[in-house]
Amino acid sequence: MTDSTGLSGKTATADIDKDVKKDYEYSRGQLYDVIEKGQEALAGILDVANNTDHPRAFEVAGQLVKSVSDATEKLLSLIHI
């Protein structure tokens, strides 16, 4: 049996499976990148905070910790832990 695209059900399912795998791999790579860049930014803002003792720098550091933590949780959710 074919669908409106002229593809059989198995072919359409295989195409969807490939798309899902591609999206998964892309999302996973993006999350790794966000986490790595967040860790680099966190190291930099912690240097600024420690050198200046400015409250805003510590506030930003706290926000970065939360953002990196959230991205890590999203990464783990991709593998359904």
Protein backbone atom coordinates (compact mmCIF):
# COMPACT_ATOMS: atom_id res chain seq x y z
CA MET A 1 0.00 0.00 0.00
CA THR A 2 1.25 3.52 -0.78
CA ASP A 3 0.42 6.84 0.84
CA SER A 4 -0.26 10.21 -0.80
CA THR A 5 3.47 10.64 -1.49
CA GLY A 6 3.58 7.38 -3.39
CA LEU A 7 5.77 5.77 -0.73
CA SER A 8 5.03 2.51 0.95
CA GLY A 9 4.37 2.51 4.68
CA LYS A 10 7.75 0.89 5.36
CA THR A 11 9.60 3.49 3.30
CA ALA A 12 7.79 6.37 4.99
CA THR A 13 8.52 4.88 8.42
CA ALA A 14 12.19 4.44 7.53
CA ASP A 15 12.37 8.07 6.40
CA ILE A 16 10.77 9.24 9.65
CA ASP A 17 13.18 7.08 11.66
CA LYS A 18 16.13 8.65 9.80
CA ASP A 19 14.76 12.13 10.48
CA VAL A 20 14.26 11.36 14.17
CA LYS A 21 17.81 10.01 14.43
CA LYS A 22 19.19 13.05 12.62
CA ASP A 23 17.23 15.41 14.90
CA TYR A 24 18.39 13.50 17.98
CA GLU A 25 22.04 13.68 16.93
CA TYR A 26 21.74 17.38 16.08
CA SER A 27 20.02 18.20 19.38
CA ARG A 28 22.57 16.19 21.33
CA GLY A 29 25.44 18.00 19.62
CA GLN A 30 23.86 21.39 20.25
CA LEU A 31 23.35 20.59 23.93
CA TYR A 32 27.00 19.50 24.26
CA ASP A 33 28.03 22.79 22.66
CA VAL A 34 25.78 24.84 24.96
CA ILE A 35 27.12 23.04 28.03
CA GLU A 36 30.76 23.48 27.00
CA LYS A 37 30.33 27.17 26.16
CA GLY A 38 28.37 27.70 29.36
CA GLN A 39 31.19 26.17 31.39
CA GLU A 40 33.72 28.42 29.66
CA ALA A 41 31.55 31.48 30.29
CA LEU A 42 31.08 30.43 33.91
CA ALA A 43 34.83 30.19 34.44
CA GLY A 44 35.24 33.68 32.99
CA ILE A 45 32.48 35.30 35.02
CA LEU A 46 33.75 33.63 38.20
CA ASP A 47 37.15 35.23 37.56
CA VAL A 48 35.44 38.60 37.15
CA ALA A 49 33.33 38.07 40.26
CA ASN A 50 36.31 37.04 42.38
CA ASN A 51 38.48 39.89 41.13
CA THR A 52 35.87 42.61 41.51
CA ASP A 53 33.60 41.31 44.29
CA HIS A 54 30.80 42.93 42.32
CA PRO A 55 27.37 41.55 43.28
CA ARG A 56 26.11 41.60 39.70
CA ALA A 57 28.98 39.36 38.58
CA PHE A 58 28.00 36.81 41.22
CA GLU A 59 24.37 37.06 40.13
CA VAL A 60 25.34 36.35 36.53
CA ALA A 61 27.48 33.42 37.68
CA GLY A 62 24.48 31.98 39.49
CA GLN A 63 22.34 32.34 36.38
CA LEU A 64 24.99 30.59 34.29
CA VAL A 65 25.14 27.71 36.76
CA LYS A 66 21.36 27.32 36.38
CA SER A 67 21.54 27.50 32.58
CA VAL A 68 24.30 24.90 32.35
CA SER A 69 22.43 22.68 34.79
CA ASP A 70 19.23 22.98 32.73
CA ALA A 71 21.08 22.09 29.52
CA THR A 72 22.63 19.07 31.23
CA GLU A 73 19.20 17.90 32.37
CA LYS A 74 17.89 18.26 28.80
CA LEU A 75 20.81 16.21 27.53
CA LEU A 76 20.05 13.46 30.02
CA SER A 77 16.36 13.54 29.10
CA LEU A 78 17.32 12.66 25.52
CA ILE A 79 18.35 9.22 26.75
CA HIS A 80 15.38 8.89 29.12
CA ILE A 81 17.28 8.42 32.37
